[in-house]
Amino acid sequence: MPIDLLFVFATRLSLILLFLPFSALDKVLNFSAAVDQAGQATANRNLAKGLILVGFSVELLMSLGVLTGIADRLAAFILAGYCAVTAILFKQFWKAPDFRLRGPSNGRETMWDFLKNFAVAGGFLLIAFGLQAGGARSFFADPLSSTNPYSITHSSSQGAEF
C-alpha cells in the first residue's frame, strides 16, 4: 500500500474514531444514560430514545461511508451537520451559570467541547467539498459520489487527500 493511501486512511480513521466505535458503542452500553442526555433537547422520553437511535445510526453508517469511501462526500456532509447540531443542542456553554474565561468554570470546559465539535465538522467538510472532492457545485450535482480516496491513480497523480 503506497504511503499516500496509508495517510488517507489514517486521516479518515482519526476523524471517525470518536464516533465509530466509541460514541456508537457508548450509546449501546449506556443507552439509558444516553437517553437522559438527549433529554436536554426534549422532555419527551420516547423522542429522546428516537434521537439516540438516529444518532447511533448516523455515527455507524456515516462513519463507515467516510472510512470506506462509499458515498463518502454525503456521509461526511451528514457527519458535519451532526457535529454542529450536537454542539448546539448539548454543548450550550453560554447557558452555564459559571461560564467565565478565567478561573474554574464548567462552562468554559463545555465551550472547548463545543469548539471541538465544530473543528471535527470542518474536517468532514473538507472531505465533502475539498479540493479532491471538486467543490460544492460538484457535491450538489452528485451527492452520492465518492472522492475515491483509495484509488492508486487518484492518490499518486494528485497527492494524498487531506
N, C-alpha and C. Protein backbone atom coordinates (compact mmCIF):
# COMPACT_ATOMS: atom_id res chain seq x y z
N MET A 1 0.85 -1.17 0.00
CA MET A 1 0.00 0.00 0.00
C MET A 1 0.90 1.24 0.00
N PRO A 2 0.76 2.08 -0.98
CA PRO A 2 1.57 3.31 -1.00
C PRO A 2 1.32 4.16 0.25
N ILE A 3 2.33 4.87 0.65
CA ILE A 3 2.26 5.68 1.87
C ILE A 3 1.12 6.71 1.81
N ASP A 4 0.84 7.25 0.63
CA ASP A 4 -0.25 8.22 0.48
C ASP A 4 -1.58 7.62 0.92
N LEU A 5 -1.82 6.38 0.52
CA LEU A 5 -3.08 5.72 0.88
C LEU A 5 -3.14 5.45 2.37
N LEU A 6 -2.02 5.13 2.97
CA LEU A 6 -1.97 4.93 4.41
C LEU A 6 -2.31 6.22 5.14
N PHE A 7 -1.79 7.34 4.66
CA PHE A 7 -2.11 8.63 5.28
C PHE A 7 -3.58 9.00 5.09
N VAL A 8 -4.14 8.71 3.93
CA VAL A 8 -5.56 8.98 3.69
C VAL A 8 -6.41 8.16 4.66
N PHE A 9 -6.07 6.89 4.78
CA PHE A 9 -6.81 6.02 5.69
C PHE A 9 -6.68 6.51 7.13
N ALA A 10 -5.47 6.85 7.56
CA ALA A 10 -5.23 7.30 8.93
C ALA A 10 -5.97 8.61 9.21
N THR A 11 -6.01 9.50 8.23
CA THR A 11 -6.72 10.77 8.40
C THR A 11 -8.21 10.53 8.58
N ARG A 12 -8.77 9.70 7.74
CA ARG A 12 -10.20 9.40 7.82
C ARG A 12 -10.52 8.65 9.11
N LEU A 13 -9.66 7.73 9.48
CA LEU A 13 -9.87 6.99 10.72
C LEU A 13 -9.85 7.93 11.92
N SER A 14 -8.93 8.88 11.93
CA SER A 14 -8.86 9.81 13.07
C SER A 14 -10.11 10.67 13.16
N LEU A 15 -10.72 10.98 12.03
CA LEU A 15 -11.96 11.76 12.05
C LEU A 15 -13.14 10.97 12.59
N ILE A 16 -13.23 9.71 12.24
CA ILE A 16 -14.42 8.93 12.62
C ILE A 16 -14.24 8.15 13.92
N LEU A 17 -13.02 8.04 14.42
CA LEU A 17 -12.74 7.24 15.61
C LEU A 17 -13.59 7.64 16.80
N LEU A 18 -13.87 8.91 16.93
CA LEU A 18 -14.72 9.38 18.02
C LEU A 18 -16.10 8.73 17.95
N PHE A 19 -16.62 8.59 16.74
CA PHE A 19 -17.97 8.07 16.55
C PHE A 19 -18.01 6.55 16.48
N LEU A 20 -17.11 5.99 15.71
CA LEU A 20 -17.08 4.55 15.50
C LEU A 20 -15.70 4.07 15.87
N PRO A 21 -15.54 3.38 16.93
CA PRO A 21 -16.53 2.65 17.70
C PRO A 21 -17.01 3.35 18.96
N PHE A 22 -16.33 4.38 19.43
CA PHE A 22 -16.51 4.83 20.81
C PHE A 22 -17.89 5.40 21.13
N SER A 23 -18.33 6.43 20.46
CA SER A 23 -19.62 7.02 20.80
C SER A 23 -20.77 6.07 20.48
N ALA A 24 -20.69 5.37 19.35
CA ALA A 24 -21.74 4.42 19.00
C ALA A 24 -21.81 3.30 20.03
N LEU A 25 -20.68 2.78 20.44
CA LEU A 25 -20.64 1.72 21.45
C LEU A 25 -21.16 2.23 22.79
N ASP A 26 -20.81 3.46 23.13
CA ASP A 26 -21.29 4.04 24.38
C ASP A 26 -22.82 4.14 24.39
N LYS A 27 -23.40 4.45 23.25
CA LYS A 27 -24.86 4.52 23.16
C LYS A 27 -25.49 3.15 23.39
N VAL A 28 -24.82 2.09 22.97
CA VAL A 28 -25.33 0.73 23.18
C VAL A 28 -25.14 0.31 24.64
N LEU A 29 -23.93 0.51 25.16
CA LEU A 29 -23.62 0.06 26.51
C LEU A 29 -24.30 0.89 27.59
N ASN A 30 -24.54 2.16 27.31
CA ASN A 30 -25.12 3.08 28.30
C ASN A 30 -26.33 3.78 27.72
N PHE A 31 -27.23 3.00 27.16
CA PHE A 31 -28.39 3.55 26.46
C PHE A 31 -29.22 4.48 27.35
N SER A 32 -29.47 4.06 28.58
CA SER A 32 -30.30 4.87 29.48
C SER A 32 -29.65 6.23 29.77
N ALA A 33 -28.35 6.23 29.99
CA ALA A 33 -27.64 7.49 30.23
C ALA A 33 -27.66 8.37 28.98
N ALA A 34 -27.55 7.74 27.82
CA ALA A 34 -27.60 8.49 26.56
C ALA A 34 -28.98 9.12 26.38
N VAL A 35 -30.01 8.39 26.72
CA VAL A 35 -31.38 8.92 26.63
C VAL A 35 -31.55 10.07 27.62
N ASP A 36 -30.98 9.94 28.80
CA ASP A 36 -31.03 11.04 29.77
C ASP A 36 -30.36 12.29 29.21
N GLN A 37 -29.21 12.12 28.55
CA GLN A 37 -28.53 13.27 27.96
C GLN A 37 -29.37 13.88 26.84
N ALA A 38 -29.99 13.03 26.02
CA ALA A 38 -30.86 13.54 24.95
C ALA A 38 -32.05 14.27 25.53
N GLY A 39 -32.38 13.98 26.78
CA GLY A 39 -33.45 14.69 27.47
C GLY A 39 -33.17 16.18 27.62
N GLN A 40 -31.93 16.60 27.41
CA GLN A 40 -31.60 18.03 27.41
C GLN A 40 -32.25 18.74 26.23
N ALA A 41 -32.49 17.98 25.16
CA ALA A 41 -33.06 18.56 23.95
C ALA A 41 -34.58 18.43 23.91
N THR A 42 -35.13 17.46 24.66
CA THR A 42 -36.58 17.25 24.65
C THR A 42 -37.01 16.62 25.97
N ALA A 43 -38.16 17.01 26.44
CA ALA A 43 -38.71 16.42 27.67
C ALA A 43 -39.41 15.10 27.38
N ASN A 44 -39.71 14.81 26.12
CA ASN A 44 -40.40 13.59 25.73
C ASN A 44 -39.40 12.44 25.70
N ARG A 45 -39.55 11.48 26.60
CA ARG A 45 -38.60 10.37 26.72
C ARG A 45 -38.56 9.51 25.45
N ASN A 46 -39.69 9.29 24.81
CA ASN A 46 -39.71 8.50 23.58
C ASN A 46 -38.97 9.22 22.45
N LEU A 47 -39.14 10.53 22.38
CA LEU A 47 -38.40 11.30 21.38
C LEU A 47 -36.90 11.25 21.67
N ALA A 48 -36.54 11.31 22.96
CA ALA A 48 -35.13 11.22 23.35
C ALA A 48 -34.55 9.87 22.91
N LYS A 49 -35.32 8.79 23.10
CA LYS A 49 -34.86 7.47 22.65
C LYS A 49 -34.68 7.47 21.13
N GLY A 50 -35.62 8.08 20.43
CA GLY A 50 -35.52 8.16 18.97
C GLY A 50 -34.28 8.93 18.54
N LEU A 51 -33.99 10.03 19.23
CA LEU A 51 -32.79 10.81 18.92
C LEU A 51 -31.52 9.98 19.09
N ILE A 52 -31.48 9.18 20.14
CA ILE A 52 -30.30 8.34 20.37
C ILE A 52 -30.18 7.28 19.27
N LEU A 53 -31.29 6.69 18.87
CA LEU A 53 -31.24 5.69 17.79
C LEU A 53 -30.82 6.31 16.46
N VAL A 54 -31.32 7.52 16.18
CA VAL A 54 -30.89 8.23 14.97
C VAL A 54 -29.41 8.55 15.06
N GLY A 55 -28.97 9.05 16.22
CA GLY A 55 -27.56 9.36 16.41
C GLY A 55 -26.68 8.14 16.24
N PHE A 56 -27.11 7.02 16.79
CA PHE A 56 -26.36 5.77 16.64
C PHE A 56 -26.24 5.40 15.16
N SER A 57 -27.35 5.49 14.45
CA SER A 57 -27.35 5.14 13.02
C SER A 57 -26.44 6.06 12.22
N VAL A 58 -26.49 7.35 12.50
CA VAL A 58 -25.63 8.32 11.82
C VAL A 58 -24.17 7.99 12.11
N GLU A 59 -23.85 7.79 13.38
CA GLU A 59 -22.46 7.52 13.75
C GLU A 59 -21.94 6.25 13.09
N LEU A 60 -22.75 5.22 13.06
CA LEU A 60 -22.32 3.96 12.49
C LEU A 60 -22.23 4.02 10.96
N LEU A 61 -23.32 4.36 10.31
CA LEU A 61 -23.38 4.29 8.84
C LEU A 61 -22.53 5.36 8.16
N MET A 62 -22.61 6.59 8.65
CA MET A 62 -21.85 7.66 8.00
C MET A 62 -20.35 7.50 8.24
N SER A 63 -19.98 7.01 9.42
CA SER A 63 -18.56 6.75 9.69
C SER A 63 -18.02 5.69 8.75
N LEU A 64 -18.81 4.65 8.53
CA LEU A 64 -18.39 3.61 7.59
C LEU A 64 -18.25 4.17 6.18
N GLY A 65 -19.16 5.07 5.79
CA GLY A 65 -19.07 5.71 4.48
C GLY A 65 -17.78 6.51 4.32
N VAL A 66 -17.46 7.30 5.34
CA VAL A 66 -16.23 8.10 5.29
C VAL A 66 -15.00 7.20 5.25
N LEU A 67 -14.99 6.17 6.06
CA LEU A 67 -13.82 5.30 6.14
C LEU A 67 -13.63 4.46 4.88
N THR A 68 -14.72 3.94 4.33
CA THR A 68 -14.60 3.07 3.15
C THR A 68 -14.53 3.84 1.85
N GLY A 69 -15.00 5.09 1.85
CA GLY A 69 -15.03 5.87 0.62
C GLY A 69 -16.30 5.66 -0.18
N ILE A 70 -17.26 4.94 0.37
CA ILE A 70 -18.54 4.71 -0.32
C ILE A 70 -19.48 5.86 0.00
N ALA A 71 -19.85 6.64 -1.02
CA ALA A 71 -20.68 7.85 -0.84
C ALA A 71 -20.10 8.70 0.30
N ASP A 72 -18.78 8.79 0.32
CA ASP A 72 -18.09 9.46 1.43
C ASP A 72 -18.39 10.95 1.52
N ARG A 73 -18.68 11.57 0.41
CA ARG A 73 -18.95 13.01 0.44
C ARG A 73 -20.25 13.29 1.18
N LEU A 74 -21.31 12.55 0.89
CA LEU A 74 -22.58 12.72 1.58
C LEU A 74 -22.45 12.31 3.04
N ALA A 75 -21.76 11.21 3.29
CA ALA A 75 -21.55 10.76 4.67
C ALA A 75 -20.81 11.83 5.48
N ALA A 76 -19.79 12.42 4.90
CA ALA A 76 -19.03 13.47 5.60
C ALA A 76 -19.89 14.71 5.82
N PHE A 77 -20.70 15.06 4.83
CA PHE A 77 -21.59 16.22 4.95
C PHE A 77 -22.59 16.00 6.09
N ILE A 78 -23.15 14.81 6.16
CA ILE A 78 -24.11 14.49 7.24
C ILE A 78 -23.41 14.51 8.59
N LEU A 79 -22.21 13.95 8.67
CA LEU A 79 -21.47 13.97 9.94
C LEU A 79 -21.10 15.39 10.35
N ALA A 80 -20.79 16.25 9.40
CA ALA A 80 -20.50 17.66 9.73
C ALA A 80 -21.74 18.31 10.34
N GLY A 81 -22.89 18.07 9.74
CA GLY A 81 -24.14 18.59 10.30
C GLY A 81 -24.44 18.01 11.66
N TYR A 82 -24.18 16.73 11.83
CA TYR A 82 -24.39 16.05 13.11
C TYR A 82 -23.52 16.70 14.20
N CYS A 83 -22.26 16.97 13.86
CA CYS A 83 -21.36 17.62 14.82
C CYS A 83 -21.88 19.00 15.21
N ALA A 84 -22.34 19.77 14.24
CA ALA A 84 -22.86 21.12 14.53
C ALA A 84 -24.13 21.06 15.37
N VAL A 85 -25.04 20.19 15.00
CA VAL A 85 -26.31 20.09 15.74
C VAL A 85 -26.07 19.61 17.16
N THR A 86 -25.22 18.60 17.35
CA THR A 86 -24.98 18.13 18.71
C THR A 86 -24.25 19.18 19.54
N ALA A 87 -23.40 19.98 18.92
CA ALA A 87 -22.75 21.07 19.66
C ALA A 87 -23.79 22.08 20.13
N ILE A 88 -24.69 22.46 19.26
CA ILE A 88 -25.70 23.46 19.60
C ILE A 88 -26.69 22.93 20.63
N LEU A 89 -27.08 21.66 20.52
CA LEU A 89 -28.06 21.10 21.45
C LEU A 89 -27.46 20.72 22.80
N PHE A 90 -26.24 20.19 22.81
CA PHE A 90 -25.72 19.59 24.03
C PHE A 90 -24.47 20.26 24.60
N LYS A 91 -23.95 21.26 23.95
CA LYS A 91 -22.74 21.93 24.45
C LYS A 91 -23.01 23.43 24.62
N GLN A 92 -24.10 23.75 25.27
CA GLN A 92 -24.55 25.14 25.41
C GLN A 92 -23.80 25.85 26.54
N PHE A 93 -22.55 26.12 26.29
CA PHE A 93 -21.69 26.75 27.28
C PHE A 93 -22.21 28.11 27.72
N TRP A 94 -22.89 28.81 26.83
CA TRP A 94 -23.39 30.14 27.13
C TRP A 94 -24.50 30.13 28.18
N LYS A 95 -25.08 28.97 28.44
CA LYS A 95 -26.12 28.85 29.46
C LYS A 95 -25.56 28.45 30.83
N ALA A 96 -24.30 28.09 30.87
CA ALA A 96 -23.70 27.65 32.14
C ALA A 96 -23.65 28.82 33.12
N PRO A 97 -24.14 28.62 34.33
CA PRO A 97 -24.15 29.72 35.30
C PRO A 97 -22.75 30.14 35.75
N ASP A 98 -21.77 29.26 35.56
CA ASP A 98 -20.41 29.60 36.00
C ASP A 98 -19.47 29.90 34.83
N PHE A 99 -20.03 30.20 33.65
CA PHE A 99 -19.16 30.43 32.50
C PHE A 99 -18.33 31.69 32.70
N ARG A 100 -17.04 31.51 32.61
CA ARG A 100 -16.09 32.63 32.63
C ARG A 100 -14.80 32.16 31.98
N LEU A 101 -14.07 33.12 31.47
CA LEU A 101 -12.84 32.80 30.76
C LEU A 101 -11.65 32.58 31.68
N ARG A 102 -11.77 33.04 32.91
CA ARG A 102 -10.67 32.92 33.87
C ARG A 102 -11.14 32.21 35.11
N GLY A 103 -10.29 31.37 35.67
CA GLY A 103 -10.64 30.65 36.89
C GLY A 103 -11.45 29.40 36.59
N PRO A 104 -11.80 28.67 37.64
CA PRO A 104 -12.58 27.44 37.46
C PRO A 104 -13.92 27.72 36.80
N SER A 105 -14.27 26.90 35.82
CA SER A 105 -15.53 27.11 35.11
C SER A 105 -15.91 25.87 34.32
N ASN A 106 -17.01 25.24 34.70
CA ASN A 106 -17.53 24.12 33.91
C ASN A 106 -18.00 24.61 32.55
N GLY A 107 -18.53 25.82 32.51
CA GLY A 107 -18.99 26.40 31.26
C GLY A 107 -17.87 26.56 30.25
N ARG A 108 -16.69 26.93 30.71
CA ARG A 108 -15.54 27.07 29.80
C ARG A 108 -15.14 25.71 29.25
N GLU A 109 -15.18 24.68 30.08
CA GLU A 109 -14.88 23.32 29.61
C GLU A 109 -15.88 22.90 28.53
N THR A 110 -17.13 23.26 28.72
CA THR A 110 -18.16 22.94 27.72
C THR A 110 -17.91 23.73 26.44
N MET A 111 -17.41 24.96 26.57
CA MET A 111 -17.10 25.76 25.38
C MET A 111 -16.05 25.06 24.52
N TRP A 112 -15.04 24.47 25.18
CA TRP A 112 -14.00 23.76 24.41
C TRP A 112 -14.60 22.57 23.67
N ASP A 113 -15.53 21.86 24.32
CA ASP A 113 -16.20 20.74 23.64
C ASP A 113 -17.02 21.24 22.45
N PHE A 114 -17.68 22.37 22.62
CA PHE A 114 -18.46 23.00 21.55
C PHE A 114 -17.55 23.30 20.36
N LEU A 115 -16.41 23.93 20.62
CA LEU A 115 -15.48 24.28 19.55
C LEU A 115 -14.86 23.04 18.90
N LYS A 116 -14.61 22.01 19.68
CA LYS A 116 -14.07 20.77 19.12
C LYS A 116 -15.06 20.14 18.15
N ASN A 117 -16.34 20.19 18.50
CA ASN A 117 -17.36 19.66 17.57
C ASN A 117 -17.28 20.38 16.23
N PHE A 118 -17.13 21.69 16.26
CA PHE A 118 -17.06 22.45 15.01
C PHE A 118 -15.74 22.20 14.27
N ALA A 119 -14.67 21.94 15.00
CA ALA A 119 -13.40 21.61 14.35
C ALA A 119 -13.52 20.28 13.61
N VAL A 120 -14.14 19.29 14.24
CA VAL A 120 -14.34 18.00 13.58
C VAL A 120 -15.26 18.18 12.38
N ALA A 121 -16.29 19.00 12.52
CA ALA A 121 -17.19 19.28 11.38
C ALA A 121 -16.40 19.84 10.21
N GLY A 122 -15.44 20.71 10.49
CA GLY A 122 -14.59 21.27 9.43
C GLY A 122 -13.81 20.20 8.70
N GLY A 123 -13.30 19.20 9.43
CA GLY A 123 -12.59 18.10 8.79
C GLY A 123 -13.51 17.32 7.86
N PHE A 124 -14.73 17.09 8.30
CA PHE A 124 -15.69 16.38 7.44
C PHE A 124 -16.05 17.21 6.21
N LEU A 125 -16.17 18.52 6.38
CA LEU A 125 -16.49 19.37 5.23
C LEU A 125 -15.37 19.37 4.19
N LEU A 126 -14.13 19.18 4.64
CA LEU A 126 -13.03 19.05 3.68
C LEU A 126 -13.21 17.81 2.81
N ILE A 127 -13.72 16.73 3.39
CA ILE A 127 -13.98 15.54 2.59
C ILE A 127 -15.14 15.81 1.63
N ALA A 128 -16.19 16.47 2.12
CA ALA A 128 -17.38 16.70 1.29
C ALA A 128 -17.12 17.70 0.16
N PHE A 129 -16.38 18.77 0.44
CA PHE A 129 -16.24 19.86 -0.53
C PHE A 129 -14.81 20.17 -0.94
N GLY A 130 -13.82 19.56 -0.30
CA GLY A 130 -12.42 19.93 -0.52
C GLY A 130 -11.93 19.76 -1.94
N LEU A 131 -10.66 20.05 -2.15
CA LEU A 131 -10.07 20.05 -3.49
C LEU A 131 -10.25 18.71 -4.20
N GLN A 132 -10.03 17.61 -3.50
CA GLN A 132 -10.18 16.30 -4.13
C GLN A 132 -11.64 15.99 -4.45
N ALA A 133 -12.56 16.63 -3.73
CA ALA A 133 -13.99 16.37 -3.91
C ALA A 133 -14.59 17.19 -5.05
N GLY A 134 -13.94 18.25 -5.46
CA GLY A 134 -14.44 19.04 -6.59
C GLY A 134 -15.32 20.21 -6.21
N GLY A 135 -15.43 20.54 -4.94
CA GLY A 135 -16.18 21.72 -4.52
C GLY A 135 -17.66 21.48 -4.30
N ALA A 136 -18.34 22.53 -3.85
CA ALA A 136 -19.76 22.46 -3.51
C ALA A 136 -20.62 22.18 -4.73
N ARG A 137 -20.31 22.79 -5.85
CA ARG A 137 -21.11 22.59 -7.06
C ARG A 137 -21.10 21.11 -7.47
N SER A 138 -19.95 20.50 -7.41
CA SER A 138 -19.83 19.08 -7.73
C SER A 138 -20.60 18.23 -6.72
N PHE A 139 -20.53 18.59 -5.46
CA PHE A 139 -21.25 17.84 -4.42
C PHE A 139 -22.76 17.88 -4.67
N PHE A 140 -23.30 19.06 -4.88
CA PHE A 140 -24.75 19.17 -5.05
C PHE A 140 -25.22 18.59 -6.39
N ALA A 141 -24.34 18.50 -7.37
CA ALA A 141 -24.70 17.86 -8.64
C ALA A 141 -24.81 16.35 -8.48
N ASP A 142 -23.98 15.76 -7.60
CA ASP A 142 -23.99 14.32 -7.40
C ASP A 142 -23.58 14.00 -5.96
N PRO A 143 -24.52 14.17 -5.00
CA PRO A 143 -24.17 14.00 -3.59
C PRO A 143 -23.78 12.58 -3.20
N LEU A 144 -24.14 11.58 -3.99
CA LEU A 144 -23.77 10.21 -3.67
C LEU A 144 -22.41 9.82 -4.24
N SER A 145 -21.74 10.77 -4.86
CA SER A 145 -20.44 10.46 -5.44
C SER A 145 -19.40 10.21 -4.35
N SER A 146 -18.31 9.64 -4.76
CA SER A 146 -17.21 9.35 -3.85
C SER A 146 -15.97 10.11 -4.30
N THR A 147 -15.12 10.41 -3.36
CA THR A 147 -13.84 11.02 -3.70
C THR A 147 -12.85 9.95 -4.15
N ASN A 148 -13.24 8.68 -4.08
CA ASN A 148 -12.36 7.56 -4.42
C ASN A 148 -11.01 7.69 -3.71
N PRO A 149 -11.06 7.75 -2.37
CA PRO A 149 -9.85 8.06 -1.62
C PRO A 149 -8.75 7.02 -1.71
N TYR A 150 -9.09 5.79 -2.07
CA TYR A 150 -8.10 4.74 -2.06
C TYR A 150 -7.68 4.30 -3.47
N SER A 151 -8.04 5.10 -4.45
CA SER A 151 -7.64 4.82 -5.82
C SER A 151 -6.16 5.15 -5.98
N ILE A 152 -5.39 4.19 -6.45
CA ILE A 152 -3.94 4.40 -6.59
C ILE A 152 -3.64 5.49 -7.61
N THR A 153 -4.35 5.50 -8.74
CA THR A 153 -4.09 6.55 -9.73
C THR A 153 -4.52 7.90 -9.18
N HIS A 154 -5.58 7.93 -8.39
CA HIS A 154 -6.05 9.18 -7.80
C HIS A 154 -5.00 9.75 -6.85
N SER A 155 -4.51 8.92 -5.94
CA SER A 155 -3.59 9.43 -4.94
C SER A 155 -2.20 9.68 -5.50
N SER A 156 -1.76 8.87 -6.45
CA SER A 156 -0.40 9.08 -6.96
C SER A 156 -0.33 10.25 -7.94
N SER A 157 -1.44 10.54 -8.61
CA SER A 157 -1.39 11.65 -9.58
C SER A 157 -1.68 13.00 -8.96
N GLN A 158 -2.41 12.99 -7.84
CA GLN A 158 -2.81 14.28 -7.24
C GLN A 158 -2.34 14.46 -5.81
N GLY A 159 -1.70 13.50 -5.22
CA GLY A 159 -1.26 13.62 -3.83
C GLY A 159 -2.35 13.14 -2.90
N ALA A 160 -2.00 12.96 -1.67
CA ALA A 160 -2.95 12.45 -0.67
C ALA A 160 -4.02 13.48 -0.38
N GLU A 161 -5.20 12.99 -0.09
CA GLU A 161 -6.33 13.86 0.25
C GLU A 161 -6.28 14.18 1.74
N PHE A 162 -6.23 15.45 2.05
CA PHE A 162 -6.27 15.87 3.45
C PHE A 162 -7.23 16.96 3.64
